[in-house]
């Protein structure tokens, strides 16, 4: 969803094609599979990379899932529980992406 929203892949790409495209970016340390649970930190990092968002000092020094979730959390886009290791639901995936898109549109 993030890659399609950012225009990196076609909206009609299959989940397998989306995961392949994500793995080809090299953004995440370990390759992901379609059946892997989605963790908040990785999802936050993908959103920041896909939309070219700049982070604060800690994200600048240590760009990655931990500080990406803190960055988006501090912007109020992720709700109250911003642990980067927390597995998020499909509803949260949609809500967080929607929050990001609304925030970007308001800039």
PDB file of N, CA and C in Angstrom:
ATOM      1  N   UNK A   1       0.809  -1.194   0.000  1.00  0.00           N
ATOM      2  CA  UNK A   1       0.000   0.000   0.000  1.00  0.00           C
ATOM      3  C   UNK A   1       0.855   1.261   0.000  1.00  0.00           C
ATOM      4  N   UNK A   2       1.896   1.255   0.792  1.00  0.00           N
ATOM      5  CA  UNK A   2       2.761   2.435   0.872  1.00  0.00           C
ATOM      6  C   UNK A   2       3.454   2.677  -0.470  1.00  0.00           C
ATOM      7  N   UNK A   3       4.002   1.628  -1.038  1.00  0.00           N
ATOM      8  CA  UNK A   3       4.716   1.794  -2.304  1.00  0.00           C
ATOM      9  C   UNK A   3       3.776   2.255  -3.413  1.00  0.00           C
ATOM     10  N   UNK A   4       2.563   1.750  -3.429  1.00  0.00           N
ATOM     11  CA  UNK A   4       1.582   2.177  -4.433  1.00  0.00           C
ATOM     12  C   UNK A   4       1.176   3.625  -4.194  1.00  0.00           C
ATOM     13  N   UNK A   5       0.946   4.006  -2.945  1.00  0.00           N
ATOM     14  CA  UNK A   5       0.560   5.388  -2.621  1.00  0.00           C
ATOM     15  C   UNK A   5       1.651   6.386  -2.978  1.00  0.00           C
ATOM     16  N   UNK A   6       2.895   5.947  -2.872  1.00  0.00           N
ATOM     17  CA  UNK A   6       4.029   6.821  -3.191  1.00  0.00           C
ATOM     18  C   UNK A   6       4.361   6.803  -4.684  1.00  0.00           C
ATOM     19  N   UNK A   7       3.658   5.976  -5.457  1.00  0.00           N
ATOM     20  CA  UNK A   7       3.900   5.902  -6.894  1.00  0.00           C
ATOM     21  C   UNK A   7       5.112   5.076  -7.282  1.00  0.00           C
ATOM     22  N   UNK A   8       5.586   4.244  -6.376  1.00  0.00           N
ATOM     23  CA  UNK A   8       6.762   3.416  -6.643  1.00  0.00           C
ATOM     24  C   UNK A   8       6.383   2.166  -7.433  1.00  0.00           C
ATOM     25  N   UNK A   9       5.205   1.638  -7.156  1.00  0.00           N
ATOM     26  CA  UNK A   9       4.675   0.498  -7.902  1.00  0.00           C
ATOM     27  C   UNK A   9       3.266   0.840  -8.365  1.00  0.00           C
ATOM     28  N   UNK A  10       2.745   0.060  -9.304  1.00  0.00           N
ATOM     29  CA  UNK A  10       1.381   0.255  -9.781  1.00  0.00           C
ATOM     30  C   UNK A  10       0.385  -0.122  -8.691  1.00  0.00           C
ATOM     31  N   UNK A  11      -0.754   0.542  -8.688  1.00  0.00           N
ATOM     32  CA  UNK A  11      -1.787   0.248  -7.700  1.00  0.00           C
ATOM     33  C   UNK A  11      -2.330  -1.161  -7.835  1.00  0.00           C
ATOM     34  N   UNK A  12      -2.251  -1.738  -9.014  1.00  0.00           N
ATOM     35  CA  UNK A  12      -2.782  -3.084  -9.218  1.00  0.00           C
ATOM     36  C   UNK A  12      -1.729  -4.184  -9.030  1.00  0.00           C
ATOM     37  N   UNK A  13      -0.591  -3.842  -8.450  1.00  0.00           N
ATOM     38  CA  UNK A  13       0.460  -4.842  -8.209  1.00  0.00           C
ATOM     39  C   UNK A  13      -0.027  -5.850  -7.174  1.00  0.00           C
ATOM     40  N   UNK A  14       0.375  -7.090  -7.356  1.00  0.00           N
ATOM     41  CA  UNK A  14       0.010  -8.148  -6.407  1.00  0.00           C
ATOM     42  C   UNK A  14       0.844  -7.986  -5.134  1.00  0.00           C
ATOM     43  N   UNK A  15       0.408  -8.611  -4.037  1.00  0.00           N
ATOM     44  CA  UNK A  15       1.225  -8.568  -2.816  1.00  0.00           C
ATOM     45  C   UNK A  15       2.642  -9.100  -3.050  1.00  0.00           C
ATOM     46  N   UNK A  16       2.761 -10.136  -3.857  1.00  0.00           N
ATOM     47  CA  UNK A  16       4.085 -10.704  -4.140  1.00  0.00           C
ATOM     48  C   UNK A  16       4.965  -9.700  -4.885  1.00  0.00           C
ATOM     49  N   UNK A  17       4.374  -8.986  -5.849  1.00  0.00           N
ATOM     50  CA  UNK A  17       5.129  -7.970  -6.593  1.00  0.00           C
ATOM     51  C   UNK A  17       5.525  -6.810  -5.687  1.00  0.00           C
ATOM     52  N   UNK A  18       4.631  -6.453  -4.777  1.00  0.00           N
ATOM     53  CA  UNK A  18       4.929  -5.362  -3.846  1.00  0.00           C
ATOM     54  C   UNK A  18       6.082  -5.731  -2.920  1.00  0.00           C
ATOM     55  N   UNK A  19       6.060  -6.940  -2.388  1.00  0.00           N
ATOM     56  CA  UNK A  19       7.135  -7.397  -1.504  1.00  0.00           C
ATOM     57  C   UNK A  19       8.448  -7.486  -2.268  1.00  0.00           C
ATOM     58  N   UNK A  20       8.390  -7.966  -3.492  1.00  0.00           N
ATOM     59  CA  UNK A  20       9.608  -8.033  -4.308  1.00  0.00           C
ATOM     60  C   UNK A  20      10.171  -6.626  -4.532  1.00  0.00           C
ATOM     61  N   UNK A  21       9.308  -5.678  -4.854  1.00  0.00           N
ATOM     62  CA  UNK A  21       9.762  -4.298  -5.069  1.00  0.00           C
ATOM     63  C   UNK A  21      10.352  -3.721  -3.787  1.00  0.00           C
ATOM     64  N   UNK A  22       9.708  -4.001  -2.652  1.00  0.00           N
ATOM     65  CA  UNK A  22      10.233  -3.521  -1.372  1.00  0.00           C
ATOM     66  C   UNK A  22      11.605  -4.108  -1.099  1.00  0.00           C
ATOM     67  N   UNK A  23      11.755  -5.397  -1.293  1.00  0.00           N
ATOM     68  CA  UNK A  23      13.051  -6.039  -1.049  1.00  0.00           C
ATOM     69  C   UNK A  23      14.130  -5.492  -1.983  1.00  0.00           C
ATOM     70  N   UNK A  24      13.757  -5.127  -3.194  1.00  0.00           N
ATOM     71  CA  UNK A  24      14.727  -4.587  -4.149  1.00  0.00           C
ATOM     72  C   UNK A  24      15.206  -3.184  -3.768  1.00  0.00           C
ATOM     73  N   UNK A  25      14.432  -2.474  -2.949  1.00  0.00           N
ATOM     74  CA  UNK A  25      14.855  -1.136  -2.526  1.00  0.00           C
ATOM     75  C   UNK A  25      16.074  -1.190  -1.613  1.00  0.00           C
ATOM     76  N   UNK A  26      16.194  -2.280  -0.848  1.00  0.00           N
ATOM     77  CA  UNK A  26      17.291  -2.394   0.106  1.00  0.00           C
ATOM     78  C   UNK A  26      17.086  -1.569   1.367  1.00  0.00           C
ATOM     79  N   UNK A  27      15.892  -1.057   1.567  1.00  0.00           N
ATOM     80  CA  UNK A  27      15.623  -0.221   2.735  1.00  0.00           C
ATOM     81  C   UNK A  27      15.692  -1.003   4.037  1.00  0.00           C
ATOM     82  N   UNK A  28      15.206  -2.237   4.022  1.00  0.00           N
ATOM     83  CA  UNK A  28      15.179  -3.037   5.242  1.00  0.00           C
ATOM     84  C   UNK A  28      16.382  -3.965   5.283  1.00  0.00           C
ATOM     85  N   UNK A  29      16.878  -4.179   6.472  1.00  0.00           N
ATOM     86  CA  UNK A  29      18.069  -5.008   6.670  1.00  0.00           C
ATOM     87  C   UNK A  29      17.853  -6.433   6.168  1.00  0.00           C
ATOM     88  N   UNK A  30      16.698  -7.007   6.497  1.00  0.00           N
ATOM     89  CA  UNK A  30      16.383  -8.382   6.101  1.00  0.00           C
ATOM     90  C   UNK A  30      15.227  -8.383   5.108  1.00  0.00           C
ATOM     91  N   UNK A  31      15.280  -9.244   4.101  1.00  0.00           N
ATOM     92  CA  UNK A  31      14.166  -9.334   3.157  1.00  0.00           C
ATOM     93  C   UNK A  31      12.886  -9.762   3.874  1.00  0.00           C
ATOM     94  N   UNK A  32      11.761  -9.297   3.368  1.00  0.00           N
ATOM     95  CA  UNK A  32      10.471  -9.668   3.947  1.00  0.00           C
ATOM     96  C   UNK A  32       9.731 -10.611   3.002  1.00  0.00           C
ATOM     97  N   UNK A  33       8.763 -11.324   3.583  1.00  0.00           N
ATOM     98  CA  UNK A  33       7.905 -12.225   2.822  1.00  0.00           C
ATOM     99  C   UNK A  33       6.472 -11.753   2.999  1.00  0.00           C
ATOM    100  N   UNK A  34       5.609 -12.140   2.083  1.00  0.00           N
ATOM    101  CA  UNK A  34       4.212 -11.701   2.159  1.00  0.00           C
ATOM    102  C   UNK A  34       3.535 -12.171   3.436  1.00  0.00           C
ATOM    103  N   UNK A  35       3.948 -13.284   3.995  1.00  0.00           N
ATOM    104  CA  UNK A  35       3.292 -13.805   5.204  1.00  0.00           C
ATOM    105  C   UNK A  35       3.876 -13.253   6.505  1.00  0.00           C
ATOM    106  N   UNK A  36       4.928 -12.453   6.436  1.00  0.00           N
ATOM    107  CA  UNK A  36       5.531 -11.883   7.642  1.00  0.00           C
ATOM    108  C   UNK A  36       4.586 -10.880   8.302  1.00  0.00           C
ATOM    109  N   UNK A  37       4.557 -10.875   9.646  1.00  0.00           N
ATOM    110  CA  UNK A  37       3.776  -9.834  10.321  1.00  0.00           C
ATOM    111  C   UNK A  37       4.429  -8.469  10.094  1.00  0.00           C
ATOM    112  N   UNK A  38       3.622  -7.432  10.121  1.00  0.00           N
ATOM    113  CA  UNK A  38       4.128  -6.077   9.893  1.00  0.00           C
ATOM    114  C   UNK A  38       4.409  -5.435  11.252  1.00  0.00           C
ATOM    115  N   UNK A  39       5.659  -5.012  11.439  1.00  0.00           N
ATOM    116  CA  UNK A  39       6.032  -4.339  12.692  1.00  0.00           C
ATOM    117  C   UNK A  39       6.017  -2.836  12.468  1.00  0.00           C
ATOM    118  N   UNK A  40       5.632  -2.124  13.502  1.00  0.00           N
ATOM    119  CA  UNK A  40       5.462  -0.680  13.403  1.00  0.00           C
ATOM    120  C   UNK A  40       6.729   0.038  12.954  1.00  0.00           C
ATOM    121  N   UNK A  41       7.871  -0.353  13.467  1.00  0.00           N
ATOM    122  CA  UNK A  41       9.115   0.315  13.099  1.00  0.00           C
ATOM    123  C   UNK A  41       9.435   0.169  11.620  1.00  0.00           C
ATOM    124  N   UNK A  42       9.336  -1.054  11.126  1.00  0.00           N
ATOM    125  CA  UNK A  42       9.616  -1.293   9.706  1.00  0.00           C
ATOM    126  C   UNK A  42       8.621  -0.542   8.831  1.00  0.00           C
ATOM    127  N   UNK A  43       7.354  -0.570   9.214  1.00  0.00           N
ATOM    128  CA  UNK A  43       6.326   0.123   8.436  1.00  0.00           C
ATOM    129  C   UNK A  43       6.589   1.631   8.430  1.00  0.00           C
ATOM    130  N   UNK A  44       6.964   2.175   9.572  1.00  0.00           N
ATOM    131  CA  UNK A  44       7.277   3.606   9.674  1.00  0.00           C
ATOM    132  C   UNK A  44       8.467   3.959   8.788  1.00  0.00           C
ATOM    133  N   UNK A  45       9.485   3.108   8.827  1.00  0.00           N
ATOM    134  CA  UNK A  45      10.683   3.349   8.023  1.00  0.00           C
ATOM    135  C   UNK A  45      10.364   3.306   6.532  1.00  0.00           C
ATOM    136  N   UNK A  46       9.535   2.348   6.135  1.00  0.00           N
ATOM    137  CA  UNK A  46       9.127   2.256   4.730  1.00  0.00           C
ATOM    138  C   UNK A  46       8.369   3.517   4.324  1.00  0.00           C
ATOM    139  N   UNK A  47       7.478   3.993   5.195  1.00  0.00           N
ATOM    140  CA  UNK A  47       6.736   5.219   4.867  1.00  0.00           C
ATOM    141  C   UNK A  47       7.676   6.413   4.721  1.00  0.00           C
ATOM    142  N   UNK A  48       8.626   6.529   5.619  1.00  0.00           N
ATOM    143  CA  UNK A  48       9.553   7.663   5.551  1.00  0.00           C
ATOM    144  C   UNK A  48      10.404   7.604   4.285  1.00  0.00           C
ATOM    145  N   UNK A  49      10.893   6.414   3.948  1.00  0.00           N
ATOM    146  CA  UNK A  49      11.719   6.274   2.748  1.00  0.00           C
ATOM    147  C   UNK A  49      10.892   6.489   1.476  1.00  0.00           C
ATOM    148  N   UNK A  50       9.714   5.875   1.419  1.00  0.00           N
ATOM    149  CA  UNK A  50       8.885   5.948   0.216  1.00  0.00           C
ATOM    150  C   UNK A  50       8.452   7.375  -0.099  1.00  0.00           C
ATOM    151  N   UNK A  51       8.187   8.159   0.944  1.00  0.00           N
ATOM    152  CA  UNK A  51       7.727   9.522   0.733  1.00  0.00           C
ATOM    153  C   UNK A  51       8.841  10.555   0.883  1.00  0.00           C
ATOM    154  N   UNK A  52      10.071  10.086   1.084  1.00  0.00           N
ATOM    155  CA  UNK A  52      11.218  10.991   1.171  1.00  0.00           C
ATOM    156  C   UNK A  52      11.147  11.956   2.333  1.00  0.00           C
ATOM    157  N   UNK A  53      10.643  11.481   3.481  1.00  0.00           N
ATOM    158  CA  UNK A  53      10.508  12.348   4.652  1.00  0.00           C
ATOM    159  C   UNK A  53      11.833  12.497   5.381  1.00  0.00           C
ATOM    160  N   UNK A  54      12.085  13.670   5.814  1.00  0.00           N
ATOM    161  CA  UNK A  54      13.280  13.946   6.615  1.00  0.00           C
ATOM    162  C   UNK A  54      12.920  13.747   8.079  1.00  0.00           C
ATOM    163  N   UNK A  55      13.855  13.278   8.849  1.00  0.00           N
ATOM    164  CA  UNK A  55      13.623  13.063  10.268  1.00  0.00           C
ATOM    165  C   UNK A  55      14.407  14.035  11.115  1.00  0.00           C
ATOM    166  N   UNK A  56      14.267  13.864  12.404  1.00  0.00           N
ATOM    167  CA  UNK A  56      15.009  14.685  13.353  1.00  0.00           C
ATOM    168  C   UNK A  56      16.453  14.231  13.468  1.00  0.00           C
ATOM    169  N   UNK A  57      17.138  14.738  14.466  1.00  0.00           N
ATOM    170  CA  UNK A  57      18.561  14.481  14.645  1.00  0.00           C
ATOM    171  C   UNK A  57      18.873  12.988  14.783  1.00  0.00           C
ATOM    172  N   UNK A  58      18.140  12.285  15.642  1.00  0.00           N
ATOM    173  CA  UNK A  58      18.433  10.869  15.858  1.00  0.00           C
ATOM    174  C   UNK A  58      18.163  10.048  14.597  1.00  0.00           C
ATOM    175  N   UNK A  59      17.113  10.385  13.865  1.00  0.00           N
ATOM    176  CA  UNK A  59      16.838   9.678  12.610  1.00  0.00           C
ATOM    177  C   UNK A  59      17.920   9.988  11.590  1.00  0.00           C
ATOM    178  N   UNK A  60      18.411  11.213  11.609  1.00  0.00           N
ATOM    179  CA  UNK A  60      19.476  11.610  10.690  1.00  0.00           C
ATOM    180  C   UNK A  60      20.754  10.818  10.960  1.00  0.00           C
ATOM    181  N   UNK A  61      21.065  10.616  12.246  1.00  0.00           N
ATOM    182  CA  UNK A  61      22.276   9.888  12.632  1.00  0.00           C
ATOM    183  C   UNK A  61      22.092   8.382  12.470  1.00  0.00           C
ATOM    184  N   UNK A  62      20.929   7.879  12.898  1.00  0.00           N
ATOM    185  CA  UNK A  62      20.640   6.440  12.867  1.00  0.00           C
ATOM    186  C   UNK A  62      19.342   6.177  12.112  1.00  0.00           C
ATOM    187  N   UNK A  63      19.323   6.365  10.797  1.00  0.00           N
ATOM    188  CA  UNK A  63      18.076   6.122  10.065  1.00  0.00           C
ATOM    189  C   UNK A  63      17.710   4.638  10.117  1.00  0.00           C
ATOM    190  N   UNK A  64      16.509   4.367  10.525  1.00  0.00           N
ATOM    191  CA  UNK A  64      16.057   2.985  10.621  1.00  0.00           C
ATOM    192  C   UNK A  64      14.699   2.917  11.272  1.00  0.00           C
ATOM    193  N   UNK A  65      14.194   1.708  11.461  1.00  0.00           N
ATOM    194  CA  UNK A  65      12.848   1.520  12.000  1.00  0.00           C
ATOM    195  C   UNK A  65      12.616   2.167  13.365  1.00  0.00           C
ATOM    196  N   UNK A  66      13.568   2.057  14.265  1.00  0.00           N
ATOM    197  CA  UNK A  66      13.364   2.584  15.622  1.00  0.00           C
ATOM    198  C   UNK A  66      13.078   4.080  15.597  1.00  0.00           C
ATOM    199  N   UNK A  67      13.946   4.836  14.956  1.00  0.00           N
ATOM    200  CA  UNK A  67      13.770   6.283  14.969  1.00  0.00           C
ATOM    201  C   UNK A  67      12.708   6.748  13.972  1.00  0.00           C
ATOM    202  N   UNK A  68      12.389   5.932  12.991  1.00  0.00           N
ATOM    203  CA  UNK A  68      11.285   6.268  12.086  1.00  0.00           C
ATOM    204  C   UNK A  68       9.966   6.234  12.841  1.00  0.00           C
ATOM    205  N   UNK A  69       9.768   5.212  13.671  1.00  0.00           N
ATOM    206  CA  UNK A  69       8.520   5.148  14.443  1.00  0.00           C
ATOM    207  C   UNK A  69       8.463   6.280  15.465  1.00  0.00           C
ATOM    208  N   UNK A  70       9.577   6.631  16.047  1.00  0.00           N
ATOM    209  CA  UNK A  70       9.595   7.762  16.986  1.00  0.00           C
ATOM    210  C   UNK A  70       9.290   9.070  16.266  1.00  0.00           C
ATOM    211  N   UNK A  71       9.851   9.217  15.077  1.00  0.00           N
ATOM    212  CA  UNK A  71       9.635  10.438  14.298  1.00  0.00           C
ATOM    213  C   UNK A  71       8.165  10.589  13.920  1.00  0.00           C
ATOM    214  N   UNK A  72       7.590   9.542  13.346  1.00  0.00           N
ATOM    215  CA  UNK A  72       6.183   9.621  12.942  1.00  0.00           C
ATOM    216  C   UNK A  72       5.263   9.693  14.157  1.00  0.00           C
ATOM    217  N   UNK A  73       5.664   9.043  15.245  1.00  0.00           N
ATOM    218  CA  UNK A  73       4.894   9.134  16.488  1.00  0.00           C
ATOM    219  C   UNK A  73       4.887  10.553  17.031  1.00  0.00           C
ATOM    220  N   UNK A  74       6.031  11.218  16.968  1.00  0.00           N
ATOM    221  CA  UNK A  74       6.104  12.597  17.474  1.00  0.00           C
ATOM    222  C   UNK A  74       5.290  13.556  16.618  1.00  0.00           C
ATOM    223  N   UNK A  75       5.037  13.176  15.382  1.00  0.00           N
ATOM    224  CA  UNK A  75       4.189  13.986  14.499  1.00  0.00           C
ATOM    225  C   UNK A  75       2.709  13.660  14.693  1.00  0.00           C
ATOM    226  N   UNK A  76       2.413  12.713  15.582  1.00  0.00           N
ATOM    227  CA  UNK A  76       1.035  12.347  15.875  1.00  0.00           C
ATOM    228  C   UNK A  76       0.382  11.462  14.830  1.00  0.00           C
ATOM    229  N   UNK A  77       1.179  10.762  14.033  1.00  0.00           N
ATOM    230  CA  UNK A  77       0.632   9.967  12.938  1.00  0.00           C
ATOM    231  C   UNK A  77       0.398   8.501  13.297  1.00  0.00           C
ATOM    232  N   UNK A  78       0.890   8.063  14.463  1.00  0.00           N
ATOM    233  CA  UNK A  78       0.838   6.640  14.792  1.00  0.00           C
ATOM    234  C   UNK A  78       0.039   6.298  16.039  1.00  0.00           C
ATOM    235  N   UNK A  79      -0.597   7.229  16.654  1.00  0.00           N
ATOM    236  CA  UNK A  79      -1.307   6.933  17.890  1.00  0.00           C
ATOM    237  C   UNK A  79      -0.369   6.940  19.079  1.00  0.00           C
ATOM    238  N   UNK A  80      -0.786   6.277  20.146  1.00  0.00           N
ATOM    239  CA  UNK A  80      -0.053   6.341  21.414  1.00  0.00           C
ATOM    240  C   UNK A  80       1.025   5.275  21.583  1.00  0.00           C
ATOM    241  N   UNK A  81       0.851   4.123  20.983  1.00  0.00           N
ATOM    242  CA  UNK A  81       1.775   2.996  21.196  1.00  0.00           C
ATOM    243  C   UNK A  81       2.759   2.914  20.033  1.00  0.00           C
ATOM    244  N   UNK A  82       3.942   3.515  20.223  1.00  0.00           N
ATOM    245  CA  UNK A  82       4.890   3.637  19.108  1.00  0.00           C
ATOM    246  C   UNK A  82       6.096   2.710  19.229  1.00  0.00           C
ATOM    247  N   UNK A  83       5.934   1.597  19.920  1.00  0.00           N
ATOM    248  CA  UNK A  83       7.032   0.636  20.007  1.00  0.00           C
ATOM    249  C   UNK A  83       7.351   0.110  18.613  1.00  0.00           C
ATOM    250  N   UNK A  84       8.598   0.228  18.174  1.00  0.00           N
ATOM    251  CA  UNK A  84       8.946  -0.211  16.818  1.00  0.00           C
ATOM    252  C   UNK A  84       8.815  -1.717  16.612  1.00  0.00           C
ATOM    253  N   UNK A  85       8.764  -2.485  17.692  1.00  0.00           N
ATOM    254  CA  UNK A  85       8.711  -3.945  17.584  1.00  0.00           C
ATOM    255  C   UNK A  85       7.285  -4.492  17.652  1.00  0.00           C
ATOM    256  N   UNK A  86       6.318  -3.612  17.840  1.00  0.00           N
ATOM    257  CA  UNK A  86       4.919  -4.020  17.956  1.00  0.00           C
ATOM    258  C   UNK A  86       4.366  -4.416  16.595  1.00  0.00           C
ATOM    259  N   UNK A  87       3.709  -5.572  16.547  1.00  0.00           N
ATOM    260  CA  UNK A  87       3.043  -6.015  15.321  1.00  0.00           C
ATOM    261  C   UNK A  87       1.755  -5.218  15.181  1.00  0.00           C
ATOM    262  N   UNK A  88       1.533  -4.665  13.995  1.00  0.00           N
ATOM    263  CA  UNK A  88       0.353  -3.833  13.789  1.00  0.00           C
ATOM    264  C   UNK A  88      -0.679  -4.579  12.949  1.00  0.00           C
ATOM    265  N   UNK A  89      -1.923  -4.184  13.133  1.00  0.00           N
ATOM    266  CA  UNK A  89      -3.031  -4.824  12.424  1.00  0.00           C
ATOM    267  C   UNK A  89      -3.215  -4.205  11.040  1.00  0.00           C
ATOM    268  N   UNK A  90      -4.009  -4.859  10.219  1.00  0.00           N
ATOM    269  CA  UNK A  90      -4.318  -4.315   8.899  1.00  0.00           C
ATOM    270  C   UNK A  90      -5.018  -2.971   8.988  1.00  0.00           C
ATOM    271  N   UNK A  91      -5.888  -2.828   9.974  1.00  0.00           N
ATOM    272  CA  UNK A  91      -6.574  -1.552  10.173  1.00  0.00           C
ATOM    273  C   UNK A  91      -5.604  -0.437  10.512  1.00  0.00           C
ATOM    274  N   UNK A  92      -4.606  -0.748  11.330  1.00  0.00           N
ATOM    275  CA  UNK A  92      -3.596   0.253  11.678  1.00  0.00           C
ATOM    276  C   UNK A  92      -2.757   0.615  10.461  1.00  0.00           C
ATOM    277  N   UNK A  93      -2.440  -0.365   9.642  1.00  0.00           N
ATOM    278  CA  UNK A  93      -1.678  -0.109   8.415  1.00  0.00           C
ATOM    279  C   UNK A  93      -2.395   0.949   7.576  1.00  0.00           C
ATOM    280  N   UNK A  94      -3.685   0.742   7.385  1.00  0.00           N
ATOM    281  CA  UNK A  94      -4.481   1.670   6.581  1.00  0.00           C
ATOM    282  C   UNK A  94      -4.587   3.035   7.269  1.00  0.00           C
ATOM    283  N   UNK A  95      -4.865   3.027   8.568  1.00  0.00           N
ATOM    284  CA  UNK A  95      -5.031   4.281   9.314  1.00  0.00           C
ATOM    285  C   UNK A  95      -3.743   5.103   9.327  1.00  0.00           C
ATOM    286  N   UNK A  96      -2.615   4.466   9.585  1.00  0.00           N
ATOM    287  CA  UNK A  96      -1.345   5.195   9.652  1.00  0.00           C
ATOM    288  C   UNK A  96      -0.971   5.787   8.293  1.00  0.00           C
ATOM    289  N   UNK A  97      -1.203   5.029   7.239  1.00  0.00           N
ATOM    290  CA  UNK A  97      -0.929   5.552   5.902  1.00  0.00           C
ATOM    291  C   UNK A  97      -1.866   6.713   5.593  1.00  0.00           C
ATOM    292  N   UNK A  98      -3.126   6.576   5.952  1.00  0.00           N
ATOM    293  CA  UNK A  98      -4.079   7.674   5.759  1.00  0.00           C
ATOM    294  C   UNK A  98      -3.666   8.916   6.528  1.00  0.00           C
ATOM    295  N   UNK A  99      -3.217   8.731   7.771  1.00  0.00           N
ATOM    296  CA  UNK A  99      -2.745   9.867   8.578  1.00  0.00           C
ATOM    297  C   UNK A  99      -1.572  10.560   7.893  1.00  0.00           C
ATOM    298  N   UNK A 100      -0.653   9.770   7.370  1.00  0.00           N
ATOM    299  CA  UNK A 100       0.520  10.335   6.697  1.00  0.00           C
ATOM    300  C   UNK A 100       0.105  11.113   5.449  1.00  0.00           C
ATOM    301  N   UNK A 101      -0.780  10.535   4.659  1.00  0.00           N
ATOM    302  CA  UNK A 101      -1.219  11.206   3.435  1.00  0.00           C
ATOM    303  C   UNK A 101      -1.963  12.502   3.743  1.00  0.00           C
ATOM    304  N   UNK A 102      -2.806  12.492   4.769  1.00  0.00           N
ATOM    305  CA  UNK A 102      -3.511  13.713   5.181  1.00  0.00           C
ATOM    306  C   UNK A 102      -2.516  14.771   5.668  1.00  0.00           C
ATOM    307  N   UNK A 103      -1.527  14.340   6.439  1.00  0.00           N
ATOM    308  CA  UNK A 103      -0.518  15.250   6.975  1.00  0.00           C
ATOM    309  C   UNK A 103       0.276  15.881   5.828  1.00  0.00           C
ATOM    310  N   UNK A 104       0.682  15.059   4.869  1.00  0.00           N
ATOM    311  CA  UNK A 104       1.449  15.579   3.721  1.00  0.00           C
ATOM    312  C   UNK A 104       0.612  16.559   2.906  1.00  0.00           C
ATOM    313  N   UNK A 105      -0.660  16.261   2.741  1.00  0.00           N
ATOM    314  CA  UNK A 105      -1.539  17.122   1.966  1.00  0.00           C
ATOM    315  C   UNK A 105      -1.730  18.482   2.630  1.00  0.00           C
ATOM    316  N   UNK A 106      -1.690  18.478   3.967  1.00  0.00           N
ATOM    317  CA  UNK A 106      -1.886  19.722   4.718  1.00  0.00           C
ATOM    318  C   UNK A 106      -0.662  20.623   4.711  1.00  0.00           C
ATOM    319  N   UNK A 107       0.491  20.104   4.286  1.00  0.00           N
ATOM    320  CA  UNK A 107       1.722  20.916   4.270  1.00  0.00           C
ATOM    321  C   UNK A 107       1.670  22.026   3.246  1.00  0.00           C
TER     322      UNK A 107
END
